[in-house]
Amino acid sequence: DLSGSITTPDVKLNLGGEFIKESTATMFLRQRGYGWLLEVEDDDPEDNKPLLEELDIDLKDIYYKIRCVLMPMPSLGFNRQVVRDNPDFWGPLAVVLFFSMISLYGQFKVVSWIITIWIFGSLTIFLLARVLGGEVAYGQVLGVIGYSLLPLIVIAPVLLVVGSFEVVSTIIKLFGVFWAAYSAASLLVGEEFKTKKPLLIYPIFLLYIYFLSLYTGV
């Protein structure tokens, strides 16, 4: 007579050079084709990106573009064409929202109106530029117009101080509008427009006058 018992063999997995003993439940699942339930996916490096990188926000790039707009003189050595040639959305949006916030005066509808004027005003400038033969994309115009609101933001606290002096206030307003219009026009109005430059500079100037009127309430 033959008698005895058969013990369950130890099954070990080789993971990175280390042997790990499988439990009875694990073996049971694997033998019946359910081993996929025990598989663990490796972490994807793409899922661990920082939030700013995930949203494609480059703070250094935004800061450089802000300086290019606030200091438009060529003698300062900034590569100002990066504002036009490398457009982004979050920087101009932040500038427009900030301008909207300082223009509130207790009326929250101003925020949506300023954003609407930014989007459709930029669209108007874009269409006019293309009709005049300019090679510019709508995203580029949107970025330049948005960033160029910065001069109006700079003069806003000054207007609060000198608001009672009508002549000084008017001069500062004109300075801010010319500053903003020059920053935008110097980036959007290239040599391809030749003798047609005034046809594009004028609506840009009017657009910033309208932006300033939304702030001052005039």
Protein backbone atom coordinates (compact mmCIF):
# COMPACT_ATOMS: atom_id res chain seq x y z
CA ASP A 1 0.00 0.00 0.00
CA LEU A 2 1.16 3.49 -0.85
CA SER A 3 0.24 6.35 1.41
CA GLY A 4 1.36 9.92 1.89
CA SER A 5 0.45 13.53 1.13
CA ILE A 6 1.34 16.10 -1.49
CA THR A 7 2.17 19.53 -0.18
CA THR A 8 1.51 22.67 -2.17
CA PRO A 9 4.76 23.82 -3.73
CA ASP A 10 6.03 27.26 -2.86
CA VAL A 11 5.75 29.59 -5.81
CA LYS A 12 8.00 32.59 -5.81
CA LEU A 13 8.07 35.64 -8.04
CA ASN A 14 11.29 37.19 -9.14
CA LEU A 15 10.78 40.98 -8.82
CA GLY A 16 13.96 42.93 -9.30
CA GLY A 17 16.18 40.12 -8.05
CA GLU A 18 14.12 39.47 -4.89
CA PHE A 19 11.96 36.37 -4.48
CA ILE A 20 8.51 36.92 -2.94
CA LYS A 21 6.36 33.98 -1.83
CA GLU A 22 2.84 33.98 -3.24
CA SER A 23 -0.12 33.38 -0.94
CA THR A 24 -2.67 30.64 -1.53
CA ALA A 25 -5.29 33.20 -2.62
CA THR A 26 -2.88 34.66 -5.17
CA MET A 27 -2.16 31.22 -6.59
CA PHE A 28 -5.88 30.44 -6.72
CA LEU A 29 -6.58 33.56 -8.79
CA ARG A 30 -3.67 32.98 -11.13
CA GLN A 31 -4.61 29.36 -11.79
CA ARG A 32 -8.11 30.38 -12.84
CA GLY A 33 -7.01 33.20 -15.13
CA TYR A 34 -7.74 36.10 -12.79
CA GLY A 35 -4.14 37.13 -12.20
CA TRP A 36 -4.80 40.43 -13.93
CA LEU A 37 -6.71 41.50 -10.81
CA LEU A 38 -3.44 41.52 -8.90
CA GLU A 39 -1.45 43.53 -11.41
CA VAL A 40 -0.35 47.00 -10.32
CA GLU A 41 0.38 49.64 -12.94
CA ASP A 42 3.59 51.58 -12.67
CA ASP A 43 3.25 55.27 -11.93
CA ASP A 44 3.29 57.30 -15.11
CA PRO A 45 5.79 60.21 -14.79
CA GLU A 46 3.39 62.29 -16.92
CA ASP A 47 0.79 62.11 -14.12
CA ASN A 48 3.15 63.61 -11.55
CA LYS A 49 3.77 66.93 -13.29
CA PRO A 50 3.46 70.13 -11.24
CA LEU A 51 0.18 71.99 -11.64
CA LEU A 52 1.78 74.97 -13.42
CA GLU A 53 3.45 72.67 -15.94
CA GLU A 54 0.20 70.76 -16.39
CA LEU A 55 -1.60 74.02 -17.25
CA ASP A 56 1.29 75.19 -19.46
CA ILE A 57 2.00 78.24 -17.29
CA ASP A 58 5.57 79.59 -17.43
CA LEU A 59 5.90 82.32 -14.80
CA LYS A 60 9.38 83.37 -15.98
CA ASP A 61 8.09 83.78 -19.53
CA ILE A 62 5.10 85.82 -18.32
CA TYR A 63 7.36 88.04 -16.19
CA TYR A 64 9.68 88.67 -19.16
CA LYS A 65 6.74 89.61 -21.40
CA ILE A 66 5.42 92.00 -18.76
CA ARG A 67 8.77 93.80 -18.71
CA CYS A 68 8.79 93.91 -22.54
CA VAL A 69 5.42 95.68 -22.52
CA LEU A 70 6.13 98.08 -19.68
CA MET A 71 9.51 99.06 -21.16
CA PRO A 72 8.93 99.17 -24.92
CA MET A 73 12.01 101.23 -25.80
CA PRO A 74 14.31 99.26 -28.15
CA SER A 75 17.40 100.71 -26.42
CA LEU A 76 16.68 98.63 -23.30
CA GLY A 77 17.66 95.45 -25.13
CA PHE A 78 14.54 93.33 -24.58
CA ASN A 79 13.55 90.84 -27.25
CA ARG A 80 10.04 92.28 -27.49
CA GLN A 81 9.03 90.11 -30.44
CA VAL A 82 8.65 87.18 -28.03
CA VAL A 83 5.34 88.73 -26.90
CA ARG A 84 3.98 88.34 -30.42
CA ASP A 85 5.88 85.29 -31.70
CA ASN A 86 5.35 83.14 -28.59
CA PRO A 87 1.78 83.95 -27.49
CA ASP A 88 0.27 82.49 -24.34
CA PHE A 89 -3.22 82.69 -22.85
CA TRP A 90 -2.82 82.75 -19.07
CA GLY A 91 -0.60 85.85 -18.88
CA PRO A 92 -2.91 88.16 -20.87
CA LEU A 93 -5.93 86.70 -19.08
CA ALA A 94 -4.36 87.52 -15.70
CA VAL A 95 -3.65 91.11 -16.84
CA VAL A 96 -7.19 91.56 -18.17
CA LEU A 97 -8.73 90.15 -14.97
CA PHE A 98 -6.53 92.40 -12.84
CA PHE A 99 -7.57 95.43 -14.88
CA SER A 100 -11.18 94.31 -14.48
CA MET A 101 -10.81 94.06 -10.71
CA ILE A 102 -9.46 97.59 -10.33
CA SER A 103 -12.29 98.84 -12.59
CA LEU A 104 -15.07 97.32 -10.53
CA TYR A 105 -16.37 100.29 -8.56
CA GLY A 106 -18.88 97.88 -7.02
CA GLN A 107 -20.19 96.72 -10.40
CA PHE A 108 -19.18 93.14 -11.10
CA LYS A 109 -20.66 93.27 -14.60
CA VAL A 110 -17.63 95.36 -15.59
CA VAL A 111 -15.43 92.25 -15.38
CA SER A 112 -17.37 90.31 -18.00
CA TRP A 113 -17.65 93.42 -20.18
CA ILE A 114 -13.89 94.07 -20.16
CA ILE A 115 -13.17 90.42 -21.02
CA THR A 116 -15.71 90.65 -23.85
CA ILE A 117 -14.09 93.82 -25.21
CA TRP A 118 -10.67 92.16 -24.98
CA ILE A 119 -11.80 89.12 -26.98
CA PHE A 120 -13.86 90.90 -29.63
CA GLY A 121 -11.63 93.99 -29.79
CA SER A 122 -8.66 91.70 -30.47
CA LEU A 123 -10.74 89.89 -33.09
CA THR A 124 -11.46 93.22 -34.82
CA ILE A 125 -7.76 94.17 -34.84
CA PHE A 126 -6.90 90.68 -36.14
CA LEU A 127 -9.39 90.85 -39.01
CA LEU A 128 -8.26 94.36 -39.94
CA ALA A 129 -4.60 93.29 -39.88
CA ARG A 130 -5.32 90.33 -42.17
CA VAL A 131 -7.31 92.51 -44.58
CA LEU A 132 -4.35 94.91 -44.75
CA GLY A 133 -2.03 92.01 -45.58
CA GLY A 134 -0.45 91.35 -42.20
CA GLU A 135 0.76 87.87 -41.27
CA VAL A 136 -0.52 87.57 -37.71
CA ALA A 137 -2.56 84.98 -35.83
CA TYR A 138 -5.54 85.70 -33.59
CA GLY A 139 -3.72 84.20 -30.59
CA GLN A 140 -0.85 86.64 -31.13
CA VAL A 141 -3.19 89.64 -31.26
CA LEU A 142 -5.06 88.40 -28.17
CA GLY A 143 -1.80 88.12 -26.23
CA VAL A 144 -0.39 91.48 -27.30
CA ILE A 145 -3.62 93.39 -26.61
CA GLY A 146 -3.96 91.72 -23.22
CA TYR A 147 -0.39 92.33 -22.08
CA SER A 148 -0.51 95.93 -23.30
CA LEU A 149 -3.18 96.76 -20.73
CA LEU A 150 -0.36 96.89 -18.16
CA PRO A 151 0.37 100.63 -18.68
CA LEU A 152 -3.26 101.42 -17.83
CA ILE A 153 -2.89 99.36 -14.66
CA VAL A 154 0.27 101.28 -13.76
CA ILE A 155 -1.40 104.70 -14.06
CA ALA A 156 -4.53 103.59 -12.16
CA PRO A 157 -3.13 104.28 -8.64
CA VAL A 158 -1.71 107.61 -9.87
CA LEU A 159 -5.16 108.68 -11.04
CA LEU A 160 -6.52 107.97 -7.57
CA VAL A 161 -4.02 110.45 -6.12
CA VAL A 162 -4.34 113.25 -8.69
CA GLY A 163 -8.01 112.72 -9.53
CA SER A 164 -8.98 116.12 -8.16
CA PHE A 165 -6.55 117.90 -10.51
CA GLU A 166 -8.32 117.76 -13.85
CA VAL A 167 -5.43 118.92 -16.06
CA VAL A 168 -2.88 116.58 -14.47
CA SER A 169 -5.34 113.70 -14.54
CA THR A 170 -6.02 114.23 -18.26
CA ILE A 171 -2.31 114.31 -19.07
CA ILE A 172 -1.72 111.07 -17.15
CA LYS A 173 -4.65 109.40 -18.93
CA LEU A 174 -3.29 110.42 -22.33
CA PHE A 175 0.17 109.22 -21.34
CA GLY A 176 -1.23 105.83 -20.27
CA VAL A 177 -3.23 105.40 -23.47
CA PHE A 178 -0.27 106.38 -25.68
CA TRP A 179 1.99 104.04 -23.67
CA ALA A 180 -0.39 101.10 -24.06
CA ALA A 181 -1.11 101.81 -27.74
CA TYR A 182 2.59 102.19 -28.54
CA SER A 183 3.44 98.89 -26.82
CA ALA A 184 0.75 97.05 -28.77
CA ALA A 185 1.27 98.80 -32.12
CA SER A 186 5.06 98.36 -32.08
CA LEU A 187 4.49 94.60 -31.83
CA LEU A 188 1.56 94.20 -34.22
CA VAL A 189 2.28 96.80 -36.89
CA GLY A 190 5.23 95.40 -38.84
CA GLU A 191 6.98 96.50 -41.99
CA GLU A 192 4.55 94.51 -44.11
CA PHE A 193 1.94 97.25 -43.63
CA LYS A 194 4.15 99.94 -45.19
CA THR A 195 1.93 103.00 -45.84
CA LYS A 196 -1.11 101.36 -44.21
CA LYS A 197 0.20 101.62 -40.65
CA PRO A 198 -2.21 104.41 -39.54
CA LEU A 199 -5.17 102.21 -40.53
CA LEU A 200 -4.15 99.70 -37.83
CA ILE A 201 -2.61 102.04 -35.25
CA TYR A 202 -5.76 104.18 -35.04
CA PRO A 203 -8.18 101.37 -33.98
CA ILE A 204 -5.62 100.11 -31.47
CA PHE A 205 -5.46 103.60 -29.97
CA LEU A 206 -9.28 103.80 -29.84
CA LEU A 207 -9.46 100.37 -28.18
CA TYR A 208 -7.27 101.49 -25.28
CA ILE A 209 -9.21 104.73 -24.94
CA TYR A 210 -12.31 102.59 -24.50
CA PHE A 211 -10.55 100.36 -21.96
CA LEU A 212 -9.56 103.47 -19.99
CA SER A 213 -13.14 104.77 -20.12
CA LEU A 214 -14.32 101.51 -18.54
CA TYR A 215 -11.94 102.17 -15.67
CA THR A 216 -12.63 105.86 -15.15
CA GLY A 217 -16.35 105.64 -15.80
CA VAL A 218 -16.21 108.41 -18.39
